[in-house]
Amino acid sequence: MLSRPIISLGEAPLSLDDVAAIARREAGVALSPAGREAVLRARAVVDRLVEQAIPAYGITTGVGSQKDFGVSREAIARYNNMMITAHATLAPGTNAPPEVVRAALAIQLALFARGRSGVRLELVEALLARLQADDLPAARLGSSVGASDIVAMSQLAVPLLGRPGVAPGGSGPTPVGALAAKEAISLLNSNSLMLAEAALALAEIRSLLDAATLAAALSMEGFRGNLNSWREEVDLARGQPGQIRVGGALRDALAASRLWQAGEARFLQDPLSFRCVPQIHGAAEAAFDFAHGLFEAELSAACDNPMIEAATGVFLSHGNMETSACCLGMDTLRQGLAKVIEASGQRIHKIQWPGFTGLPTSLAVEPGAIGGVQFLNLGHLAGANVGAVRQAAFPALLNYSGQLDDGVEDVAGNAPQSVAETVRCLVPAWNVVTLEIACAVWAIHRREVPTGALGRGLQPLASEILALLPIGREGETIFDLGPLVEAVKAAAGVPRGEKRHG
């Protein structure tokens, strides 16, 4: 068995691909010598502040609305232990999946390895040991307003103290037992859980957008649409990079298709949901690039407040934990995805509509009361799932209004809510894309277009989906869309066994 690659923390910034690989246990983690030295240098600054009793937020004072109260040197360990336990308050909800916890721990370790937090090397090594051993703590989702995942990150930290957490385990091989100055606030004061969820969602959306492009190409085959609207000249005339990228992917999928031949297209001009695939999917590609860039940058952000500057020996209070940029990026991406899914839903209906297809109602063998895709309620399923995606698409950025900590925290970025809505829309989005592919393949079969006459990039998936469709057997047994969804995910590059979103 091949050993996993090791990502060395403290040498280079984490990438979103790194986070996904660690989450799926496709890569391990280690602390680099440079990261070790950075941790030690920052810790020396914290030790000096404590030794000299300098008022420093969260180090020798309380936090939030209690920032003006000092903490004596003798009380520091007790204060830090109690703060972590007190901030870990439980509310009923869903626990973060194991892959999200792995990703969150890796992001937090990478933050510490940059040498701006001031925690002890012993704490970093304890965190690293439990991630390497896959002895994972648990945390509840849904407790953050986007100005650090304070509650959930505290829940992840509690087992380090030898105290019961959200679930058994998670202390790691070397629990620290007690915290030192600055460590409680550093453990809880990051957006690591939100970033972990976002990293995995972005990876899945990348595959989902690719699958949606394959679905649109199959629909064009089943509709026998006019490919002139998807020619490269059209994309270049628009000049939008996302559209150019999608147009190229569509033409690659349709390479050598019989549909390129003169006389194959049934209409001079197709409905907009077919004609505008490069434009709509191109907009989603632009939104993806925007969100991906923001979140990749955020993985390298020093969000721990206060920030330690080892070179100058000072600490800086700041607001880098604020997540408006992340929220805006994820809101934008979710709306772009929802537009893709809305157009997919329109094609699902058009491809079975006799007035547009020239085929029997519901793509049945012949007109009648039995058979076809509507006999299986595929149109209703599509409508419900499109509605769910559209509902989740509403932006979260401006939904926060609160006065936390006696008015000290009066704004928040709301990125956790935006990420949660994005995760919520993934299952219905996959369902819609799969339903489009199923209806498209059904229409291709009904038109008696041989698989070999389809675009080369579509033939393997079309063959696999056709074998899973109950054509000619509608109503004999319950049809299960699940195996088709898994086949579509595999074709789009989603790793087998990744069950996080259904």
Protein backbone atom coordinates (compact mmCIF):
# COMPACT_ATOMS: atom_id res chain seq x y z
CA MET A 1 0.00 0.00 0.00
CA LEU A 2 1.41 3.39 -0.98
CA SER A 3 2.10 5.81 1.85
CA ARG A 4 0.17 9.05 1.97
CA PRO A 5 1.89 12.30 1.03
CA ILE A 6 2.70 14.52 4.00
CA ILE A 7 1.75 18.20 4.03
CA SER A 8 4.31 20.10 6.11
CA LEU A 9 2.69 22.94 8.03
CA GLY A 10 4.62 26.18 8.38
CA GLU A 11 6.50 25.95 5.07
CA ALA A 12 3.85 27.13 2.62
CA PRO A 13 0.22 28.26 2.91
CA LEU A 14 -2.43 25.56 2.89
CA SER A 15 -4.42 25.32 -0.32
CA LEU A 16 -8.05 24.27 -0.62
CA ASP A 17 -6.85 21.08 -2.31
CA ASP A 18 -4.56 20.40 0.67
CA VAL A 19 -7.47 20.80 3.08
CA ALA A 20 -9.68 18.43 1.07
CA ALA A 21 -6.90 15.82 0.91
CA ILE A 22 -6.34 15.97 4.67
CA ALA A 23 -10.09 15.77 5.32
CA ARG A 24 -10.39 12.61 3.20
CA ARG A 25 -7.25 11.08 4.74
CA GLU A 26 -5.52 11.19 1.36
CA ALA A 27 -2.67 13.17 2.94
CA GLY A 28 -1.07 13.36 6.36
CA VAL A 29 0.28 16.39 8.23
CA ALA A 30 3.50 17.28 10.00
CA LEU A 31 4.96 20.41 11.61
CA SER A 32 7.93 21.78 9.67
CA PRO A 33 11.12 22.99 11.41
CA ALA A 34 10.25 26.52 10.27
CA GLY A 35 6.79 26.18 11.82
CA ARG A 36 8.30 24.90 15.05
CA GLU A 37 10.65 27.89 15.27
CA ALA A 38 7.83 30.32 14.49
CA VAL A 39 5.74 28.88 17.34
CA LEU A 40 8.65 29.21 19.79
CA ARG A 41 9.40 32.81 18.81
CA ALA A 42 5.78 33.92 19.22
CA ARG A 43 5.50 32.13 22.55
CA ALA A 44 8.49 34.05 23.89
CA VAL A 45 6.55 37.29 23.30
CA VAL A 46 3.55 35.99 25.27
CA ASP A 47 5.78 34.83 28.13
CA ARG A 48 7.33 38.31 28.34
CA LEU A 49 3.90 39.99 28.45
CA VAL A 50 2.87 37.72 31.32
CA GLU A 51 6.17 38.15 33.17
CA GLN A 52 5.93 41.94 32.98
CA ALA A 53 2.18 41.98 33.73
CA ILE A 54 1.51 44.10 30.64
CA PRO A 55 -2.24 44.52 29.97
CA ALA A 56 -2.82 42.44 26.83
CA TYR A 57 -6.23 41.38 25.52
CA GLY A 58 -6.98 37.72 26.22
CA ILE A 59 -3.48 37.21 27.64
CA THR A 60 -3.50 39.09 30.91
CA THR A 61 -7.10 40.36 30.65
CA GLY A 62 -10.55 38.98 30.02
CA VAL A 63 -12.16 38.97 26.57
CA GLY A 64 -15.21 40.51 24.92
CA SER A 65 -17.16 42.76 27.22
CA GLN A 66 -14.91 41.58 30.09
CA LYS A 67 -11.76 42.89 28.41
CA ASP A 68 -11.18 45.61 31.01
CA PHE A 69 -10.70 43.13 33.85
CA GLY A 70 -7.22 41.82 34.52
CA VAL A 71 -6.28 38.18 35.15
CA SER A 72 -3.51 37.64 37.69
CA ARG A 73 -0.52 35.51 36.85
CA GLU A 74 -1.58 32.95 39.46
CA ALA A 75 -5.06 32.62 37.93
CA ILE A 76 -4.05 32.34 34.26
CA ALA A 77 -4.17 28.53 33.94
CA ARG A 78 -7.49 28.25 35.75
CA TYR A 79 -8.91 31.15 33.71
CA ASN A 80 -7.90 29.59 30.37
CA ASN A 81 -9.25 26.15 31.29
CA MET A 82 -12.54 27.60 32.46
CA MET A 83 -12.89 29.87 29.43
CA ILE A 84 -12.61 26.95 27.01
CA THR A 85 -15.13 24.89 28.96
CA ALA A 86 -17.50 27.80 29.48
CA HIS A 87 -17.44 28.83 25.81
CA ALA A 88 -18.22 25.26 24.68
CA THR A 89 -21.93 25.51 25.61
CA LEU A 90 -24.00 22.86 23.82
CA ALA A 91 -27.21 23.47 21.92
CA PRO A 92 -29.13 20.70 20.13
CA GLY A 93 -27.97 20.37 16.55
CA THR A 94 -25.92 18.42 14.05
CA ASN A 95 -22.35 17.38 14.77
CA ALA A 96 -19.72 18.27 12.19
CA PRO A 97 -18.79 15.22 10.06
CA PRO A 98 -15.35 13.68 10.73
CA GLU A 99 -13.86 15.02 7.49
CA VAL A 100 -14.89 18.56 8.46
CA VAL A 101 -13.25 18.13 11.89
CA ARG A 102 -10.02 16.85 10.31
CA ALA A 103 -9.97 19.84 7.97
CA ALA A 104 -10.70 22.27 10.82
CA LEU A 105 -7.86 20.87 12.95
CA ALA A 106 -5.45 21.14 10.01
CA ILE A 107 -6.46 24.74 9.35
CA GLN A 108 -6.02 25.63 13.01
CA LEU A 109 -2.59 23.96 13.14
CA ALA A 110 -1.52 25.84 10.01
CA LEU A 111 -2.59 29.07 11.72
CA PHE A 112 -0.47 28.28 14.79
CA ALA A 113 2.51 27.25 12.62
CA ARG A 114 2.65 30.76 11.15
CA GLY A 115 3.85 32.02 14.53
CA ARG A 116 1.30 34.75 15.14
CA SER A 117 -0.76 33.07 17.88
CA GLY A 118 1.70 32.67 20.71
CA VAL A 119 0.63 29.24 21.95
CA ARG A 120 3.13 26.78 23.42
CA LEU A 121 4.85 24.22 21.22
CA GLU A 122 3.46 21.53 23.58
CA LEU A 123 -0.08 22.52 22.66
CA VAL A 124 0.67 22.46 18.94
CA GLU A 125 2.22 19.01 19.28
CA ALA A 126 -0.82 17.75 21.19
CA LEU A 127 -3.16 19.04 18.49
CA LEU A 128 -0.98 17.49 15.80
CA ALA A 129 -0.88 14.14 17.60
CA ARG A 130 -4.64 13.77 17.78
CA LEU A 131 -5.01 14.67 14.09
CA GLN A 132 -2.31 12.18 13.12
CA ALA A 133 -3.95 9.50 15.26
CA ASP A 134 -7.38 10.42 13.86
CA ASP A 135 -8.64 10.69 17.44
CA LEU A 136 -11.16 13.36 16.57
CA PRO A 137 -13.09 15.60 18.94
CA ALA A 138 -16.66 16.56 18.06
CA ALA A 139 -18.33 19.92 17.56
CA ARG A 140 -21.84 21.11 16.81
CA LEU A 141 -22.61 23.11 13.70
CA GLY A 142 -24.76 26.24 13.71
CA SER A 143 -23.32 28.29 16.58
CA SER A 144 -21.26 30.95 14.79
CA VAL A 145 -22.19 34.38 13.42
CA GLY A 146 -18.98 34.68 11.42
CA ALA A 147 -16.64 36.45 13.82
CA SER A 148 -14.72 33.31 14.88
CA ASP A 149 -16.31 29.90 15.40
CA ILE A 150 -16.03 30.49 19.14
CA VAL A 151 -18.45 27.87 20.47
CA ALA A 152 -17.55 25.04 18.10
CA MET A 153 -13.79 25.62 18.36
CA SER A 154 -14.11 25.54 22.15
CA GLN A 155 -15.94 22.23 21.86
CA LEU A 156 -13.06 20.85 19.78
CA ALA A 157 -10.60 21.98 22.46
CA VAL A 158 -12.32 20.72 25.63
CA PRO A 159 -11.06 17.09 25.37
CA LEU A 160 -7.47 18.40 25.45
CA LEU A 161 -8.12 19.28 29.09
CA GLY A 162 -9.21 15.75 29.96
CA ARG A 163 -12.83 16.87 30.23
CA PRO A 164 -15.79 15.24 28.44
CA GLY A 165 -16.58 16.80 25.08
CA VAL A 166 -19.51 16.66 22.69
CA ALA A 167 -18.74 12.97 22.08
CA PRO A 168 -16.26 10.47 23.53
CA GLY A 169 -12.62 10.75 22.46
CA GLY A 170 -10.72 13.57 20.85
CA SER A 171 -8.08 14.19 23.51
CA GLY A 172 -5.34 12.66 21.39
CA PRO A 173 -2.38 10.58 22.56
CA THR A 174 -0.93 13.51 24.56
CA PRO A 175 -3.63 15.70 26.14
CA VAL A 176 -2.18 18.85 27.67
CA GLY A 177 -4.30 18.77 30.80
CA ALA A 178 -4.01 22.52 31.43
CA LEU A 179 -3.72 25.57 29.25
CA ALA A 180 -1.30 28.48 29.55
CA ALA A 181 -1.69 32.20 28.88
CA LYS A 182 -3.19 33.13 25.48
CA GLU A 183 -4.04 29.51 24.63
CA ALA A 184 -7.77 29.55 25.30
CA ILE A 185 -8.40 32.55 23.10
CA SER A 186 -6.15 31.15 20.37
CA LEU A 187 -7.97 27.80 20.40
CA LEU A 188 -11.41 29.35 20.09
CA ASN A 189 -10.65 32.49 18.08
CA SER A 190 -10.59 31.28 14.46
CA ASN A 191 -12.96 30.47 11.62
CA SER A 192 -11.40 27.05 11.10
CA LEU A 193 -14.65 25.06 11.20
CA MET A 194 -16.38 27.37 8.71
CA LEU A 195 -13.35 27.24 6.41
CA ALA A 196 -13.27 23.45 6.64
CA GLU A 197 -16.90 23.14 5.61
CA ALA A 198 -16.36 25.66 2.84
CA ALA A 199 -13.28 23.89 1.47
CA LEU A 200 -15.18 20.61 1.11
CA ALA A 201 -18.24 22.35 -0.34
CA LEU A 202 -16.09 24.12 -2.93
CA ALA A 203 -14.52 20.82 -3.99
CA GLU A 204 -17.96 19.30 -4.40
CA ILE A 205 -19.31 22.28 -6.31
CA ARG A 206 -16.39 22.04 -8.72
CA SER A 207 -17.50 18.50 -9.57
CA LEU A 208 -21.16 19.53 -9.61
CA LEU A 209 -20.57 22.27 -12.17
CA ASP A 210 -18.66 19.82 -14.36
CA ALA A 211 -21.54 17.35 -14.10
CA ALA A 212 -24.06 20.08 -14.99
CA THR A 213 -22.09 20.79 -18.17
CA LEU A 214 -22.22 17.10 -19.13
CA ALA A 215 -25.95 17.10 -18.42
CA ALA A 216 -26.54 20.07 -20.70
CA ALA A 217 -24.57 18.42 -23.50
CA LEU A 218 -26.62 15.23 -23.14
CA SER A 219 -29.81 17.28 -23.20
CA MET A 220 -28.71 18.85 -26.46
CA GLU A 221 -28.21 15.34 -27.85
CA GLY A 222 -31.63 14.23 -26.63
CA PHE A 223 -33.33 17.39 -27.87
CA ARG A 224 -31.41 17.30 -31.15
CA GLY A 225 -30.62 20.96 -30.65
CA ASN A 226 -28.68 23.39 -32.79
CA LEU A 227 -24.99 23.37 -31.84
CA ASN A 228 -24.26 26.56 -33.77
CA SER A 229 -25.15 28.50 -30.61
CA TRP A 230 -22.29 26.69 -28.83
CA ARG A 231 -19.60 27.40 -31.41
CA GLU A 232 -16.30 28.86 -30.29
CA GLU A 233 -16.83 32.04 -32.29
CA VAL A 234 -19.82 32.88 -30.09
CA ASP A 235 -17.84 32.44 -26.87
CA LEU A 236 -14.88 34.46 -28.11
CA ALA A 237 -17.20 37.25 -29.25
CA ARG A 238 -18.52 37.51 -25.67
CA GLY A 239 -15.03 37.34 -24.18
CA GLN A 240 -16.10 36.18 -20.72
CA PRO A 241 -13.49 33.70 -19.41
CA GLY A 242 -16.00 31.45 -17.69
CA GLN A 243 -18.12 31.19 -20.82
CA ILE A 244 -15.05 30.41 -22.93
CA ARG A 245 -14.09 27.65 -20.48
CA VAL A 246 -17.58 26.13 -20.46
CA GLY A 247 -17.88 26.38 -24.24
CA GLY A 248 -14.66 24.43 -24.60
CA ALA A 249 -15.89 21.75 -22.19
CA LEU A 250 -19.17 21.41 -24.08
CA ARG A 251 -17.41 21.04 -27.41
CA ASP A 252 -14.99 18.49 -25.93
CA ALA A 253 -17.92 16.44 -24.60
CA LEU A 254 -19.63 16.62 -28.00
CA ALA A 255 -16.51 15.83 -30.07
CA ALA A 256 -17.39 13.68 -33.12
CA SER A 257 -21.12 13.80 -32.30
CA ARG A 258 -23.47 13.26 -35.21
CA LEU A 259 -25.27 16.37 -33.99
CA TRP A 260 -22.59 18.52 -35.66
CA GLN A 261 -23.68 17.25 -39.08
CA ALA A 262 -25.93 19.35 -41.31
CA GLY A 263 -29.61 18.50 -40.98
CA GLU A 264 -29.38 17.02 -37.47
CA ALA A 265 -30.67 20.10 -35.63
CA ARG A 266 -34.47 20.23 -35.49
CA PHE A 267 -34.81 23.98 -34.94
CA LEU A 268 -33.09 27.06 -36.31
CA GLN A 269 -33.03 28.41 -32.74
CA ASP A 270 -33.56 26.48 -29.51
CA PRO A 271 -35.16 27.67 -26.24
CA LEU A 272 -32.88 29.86 -24.13
CA SER A 273 -32.27 27.15 -21.53
CA PHE A 274 -30.44 25.23 -24.29
CA ARG A 275 -28.98 28.11 -26.26
CA CYS A 276 -27.59 29.96 -23.23
CA VAL A 277 -25.80 27.12 -21.44
CA PRO A 278 -22.33 28.64 -22.05
CA GLN A 279 -23.51 32.01 -20.75
CA ILE A 280 -25.30 30.69 -17.64
CA HIS A 281 -22.68 28.11 -16.73
CA GLY A 282 -19.99 30.67 -17.55
CA ALA A 283 -21.45 33.03 -14.97
CA ALA A 284 -21.29 30.23 -12.38
CA GLU A 285 -17.67 29.61 -13.35
CA ALA A 286 -16.87 33.26 -12.71
CA ALA A 287 -18.60 33.04 -9.33
CA PHE A 288 -16.63 29.88 -8.53
CA ASP A 289 -13.33 31.58 -9.35
CA PHE A 290 -14.31 34.53 -7.15
CA ALA A 291 -15.23 32.34 -4.16
CA HIS A 292 -12.29 30.01 -4.61
CA GLY A 293 -9.83 32.91 -4.57
CA LEU A 294 -11.34 34.44 -1.43
CA PHE A 295 -11.34 31.18 0.52
CA GLU A 296 -7.87 30.17 -0.61
CA ALA A 297 -6.57 33.50 0.65
CA GLU A 298 -8.46 33.08 3.93
CA LEU A 299 -6.60 29.84 4.67
CA SER A 300 -3.48 31.97 5.05
CA ALA A 301 -5.11 34.75 7.05
CA ALA A 302 -3.88 35.54 10.56
CA CYS A 303 -7.26 35.78 12.27
CA ASP A 304 -6.20 35.00 15.86
CA ASN A 305 -6.84 38.12 17.98
CA PRO A 306 -4.61 39.49 19.36
CA MET A 307 -1.90 38.81 16.78
CA ILE A 308 1.67 38.35 17.96
CA GLU A 309 4.46 40.06 16.01
CA ALA A 310 7.53 38.10 17.04
CA ALA A 311 9.93 40.33 15.10
CA THR A 312 8.98 43.44 17.08
CA GLY A 313 7.73 41.80 20.27
CA VAL A 314 4.33 43.50 20.15
CA PHE A 315 0.74 42.28 20.14
CA LEU A 316 -1.94 43.80 17.89
CA SER A 317 -5.69 43.76 18.46
CA HIS A 318 -7.49 43.55 15.13
CA GLY A 319 -10.60 42.35 13.29
CA ASN A 320 -9.23 39.74 10.88
CA MET A 321 -11.71 37.19 12.16
CA GLU A 322 -14.54 39.08 10.38
CA THR A 323 -15.89 37.00 7.47
CA SER A 324 -17.81 39.34 5.15
CA ALA A 325 -15.50 38.52 2.24
CA CYS A 326 -16.08 34.78 2.66
CA CYS A 327 -19.82 35.30 2.98
CA LEU A 328 -19.96 37.44 -0.15
CA GLY A 329 -17.96 34.87 -2.10
CA MET A 330 -20.12 31.94 -1.02
CA ASP A 331 -23.38 33.88 -1.52
CA THR A 332 -22.28 34.74 -5.05
CA LEU A 333 -21.32 31.17 -5.86
CA ARG A 334 -24.56 29.77 -4.48
CA GLN A 335 -26.61 32.13 -6.64
CA GLY A 336 -24.57 31.23 -9.71
CA LEU A 337 -25.12 27.54 -8.97
CA ALA A 338 -28.85 28.11 -8.45
CA LYS A 339 -29.10 29.71 -11.90
CA VAL A 340 -27.42 26.65 -13.42
CA ILE A 341 -29.90 24.39 -11.63
CA GLU A 342 -32.88 26.55 -12.62
CA ALA A 343 -31.90 26.26 -16.30
CA SER A 344 -31.41 22.52 -15.87
CA GLY A 345 -34.96 22.27 -14.54
CA GLN A 346 -36.26 24.06 -17.63
CA ARG A 347 -34.46 21.63 -19.95
CA ILE A 348 -35.88 18.68 -18.01
CA HIS A 349 -39.39 19.88 -18.88
CA LYS A 350 -38.61 20.88 -22.48
CA ILE A 351 -36.99 17.55 -23.30
CA GLN A 352 -40.23 15.68 -22.50
CA TRP A 353 -42.71 18.27 -23.79
CA PRO A 354 -44.36 16.97 -26.98
CA GLY A 355 -44.71 20.47 -28.44
CA PHE A 356 -40.92 20.86 -28.30
CA THR A 357 -39.74 17.28 -28.80
CA GLY A 358 -42.09 15.86 -31.39
CA LEU A 359 -42.10 12.69 -29.29
CA PRO A 360 -44.99 11.04 -27.41
CA THR A 361 -46.01 12.58 -24.09
CA SER A 362 -43.58 11.82 -21.26
CA LEU A 363 -41.17 10.11 -23.69
CA ALA A 364 -43.36 7.02 -23.53
CA VAL A 365 -43.16 4.40 -26.23
CA GLU A 366 -46.46 5.62 -27.62
CA PRO A 367 -49.23 7.99 -26.52
CA GLY A 368 -51.17 6.49 -23.66
CA ALA A 369 -51.81 6.41 -19.92
CA ILE A 370 -48.83 4.24 -18.99
CA GLY A 371 -45.09 4.74 -19.23
CA GLY A 372 -42.49 7.43 -19.58
CA VAL A 373 -40.64 9.79 -17.30
CA GLN A 374 -43.73 11.53 -15.93
CA PHE A 375 -45.17 8.15 -15.00
CA LEU A 376 -42.21 8.01 -12.61
CA ASN A 377 -42.84 11.60 -11.45
CA LEU A 378 -39.38 12.72 -12.55
CA GLY A 379 -40.73 16.16 -13.45
CA HIS A 380 -42.23 16.63 -10.00
CA LEU A 381 -38.99 15.54 -8.35
CA ALA A 382 -37.13 18.05 -10.50
CA GLY A 383 -39.51 20.86 -9.59
CA ALA A 384 -39.21 20.18 -5.86
CA ASN A 385 -35.43 19.99 -5.96
CA VAL A 386 -35.03 23.09 -8.11
CA GLY A 387 -37.21 24.90 -5.56
CA ALA A 388 -35.00 23.73 -2.71
CA VAL A 389 -31.86 25.02 -4.44
CA ARG A 390 -33.46 28.36 -5.23
CA GLN A 391 -34.62 28.76 -1.64
CA ALA A 392 -31.10 28.13 -0.36
CA ALA A 393 -29.68 30.68 -2.81
CA PHE A 394 -30.87 33.74 -0.91
CA PRO A 395 -27.85 35.71 0.34
CA ALA A 396 -26.80 35.58 3.98
CA LEU A 397 -24.46 38.60 4.06
CA LEU A 398 -26.98 41.13 5.36
CA ASN A 399 -28.98 38.80 7.59
CA TYR A 400 -27.09 39.49 10.82
CA SER A 401 -28.19 42.18 13.22
CA GLY A 402 -27.07 41.87 16.79
CA GLN A 403 -25.38 43.42 19.77
CA LEU A 404 -23.15 40.77 21.35
CA ASP A 405 -20.91 41.26 24.38
CA ASP A 406 -22.66 44.41 25.52
CA GLY A 407 -22.38 45.99 22.08
CA VAL A 408 -18.68 45.27 21.53
CA GLU A 409 -19.54 42.85 18.70
CA ASP A 410 -22.11 44.79 16.70
CA VAL A 411 -21.39 43.43 13.19
CA ALA A 412 -20.62 39.94 11.89
CA GLY A 413 -19.80 38.45 8.50
CA ASN A 414 -22.36 35.62 8.56
CA ALA A 415 -20.12 33.32 6.49
CA PRO A 416 -21.09 30.20 8.52
CA GLN A 417 -24.74 30.70 7.56
CA SER A 418 -23.78 31.17 3.92
CA VAL A 419 -21.67 28.00 3.96
CA ALA A 420 -24.49 26.08 5.69
CA GLU A 421 -26.97 27.14 2.99
CA THR A 422 -24.50 26.07 0.33
CA VAL A 423 -24.09 22.64 1.90
CA ARG A 424 -27.89 22.37 2.20
CA CYS A 425 -28.39 22.91 -1.53
CA LEU A 426 -25.91 20.26 -2.68
CA VAL A 427 -28.16 17.19 -2.40
CA PRO A 428 -31.06 18.72 -4.36
CA ALA A 429 -28.62 20.17 -6.91
CA TRP A 430 -27.12 16.74 -7.58
CA ASN A 431 -30.64 15.35 -7.87
CA VAL A 432 -31.59 17.92 -10.53
CA VAL A 433 -28.45 17.36 -12.58
CA THR A 434 -29.00 13.60 -12.43
CA LEU A 435 -32.66 13.95 -13.39
CA GLU A 436 -31.64 16.00 -16.42
CA ILE A 437 -29.15 13.34 -17.46
CA ALA A 438 -31.75 10.60 -16.97
CA CYS A 439 -34.35 12.42 -19.08
CA ALA A 440 -31.76 13.27 -21.74
CA VAL A 441 -30.60 9.66 -22.04
CA TRP A 442 -34.21 8.51 -22.12
CA ALA A 443 -34.89 10.93 -25.02
CA ILE A 444 -31.75 9.77 -26.84
CA HIS A 445 -32.96 6.19 -26.52
CA ARG A 446 -36.45 7.12 -27.67
CA ARG A 447 -35.00 8.81 -30.78
CA GLU A 448 -32.97 5.66 -31.47
CA VAL A 449 -29.70 7.57 -31.59
CA PRO A 450 -26.91 5.01 -31.14
CA THR A 451 -24.51 5.62 -28.27
CA GLY A 452 -21.68 5.61 -30.79
CA ALA A 453 -23.25 8.62 -32.54
CA LEU A 454 -23.04 10.74 -29.37
CA GLY A 455 -20.15 12.97 -28.45
CA ARG A 456 -17.13 10.95 -27.37
CA GLY A 457 -17.10 12.60 -23.97
CA LEU A 458 -20.71 11.58 -23.33
CA GLN A 459 -20.72 7.96 -24.42
CA PRO A 460 -19.48 6.25 -21.19
CA LEU A 461 -21.93 8.10 -18.94
CA ALA A 462 -24.84 7.69 -21.37
CA SER A 463 -24.26 3.93 -21.52
CA GLU A 464 -24.06 3.62 -17.74
CA ILE A 465 -27.20 5.68 -17.13
CA LEU A 466 -29.18 3.88 -19.85
CA ALA A 467 -28.52 0.56 -18.13
CA LEU A 468 -29.94 1.98 -14.87
CA LEU A 469 -33.16 3.40 -16.36
CA PRO A 470 -36.34 1.30 -16.11
CA ILE A 471 -37.37 1.98 -19.71
CA GLY A 472 -40.18 -0.41 -20.59
CA ARG A 473 -40.55 -1.44 -16.95
CA GLU A 474 -42.07 1.73 -15.48
CA GLY A 475 -44.40 0.91 -12.59
CA GLU A 476 -43.20 -2.65 -12.06
CA THR A 477 -40.90 -1.74 -9.16
CA ILE A 478 -40.02 1.47 -7.33
CA PHE A 479 -37.44 3.45 -9.26
CA ASP A 480 -34.45 4.59 -7.16
CA LEU A 481 -32.53 7.62 -8.42
CA GLY A 482 -29.71 7.00 -5.93
CA PRO A 483 -27.53 4.71 -8.10
CA LEU A 484 -27.79 7.23 -10.95
CA VAL A 485 -26.65 10.05 -8.67
CA GLU A 486 -23.61 8.00 -7.62
CA ALA A 487 -22.79 7.25 -11.27
CA VAL A 488 -23.00 10.94 -12.17
CA LYS A 489 -20.81 11.92 -9.21
CA ALA A 490 -18.21 9.35 -10.20
CA ALA A 491 -18.20 10.64 -13.79
CA ALA A 492 -17.63 14.16 -12.43
CA GLY A 493 -14.70 13.09 -10.27
CA VAL A 494 -16.27 12.93 -6.80
CA PRO A 495 -14.24 10.33 -4.88
CA ARG A 496 -16.07 7.06 -4.25
CA GLY A 497 -17.17 6.70 -0.66
CA GLU A 498 -17.44 10.46 -0.01
CA LYS A 499 -20.86 10.45 1.67
CA ARG A 500 -20.76 13.87 3.28
CA HIS A 501 -23.64 15.41 1.32
CA GLY A 502 -25.75 12.38 0.48
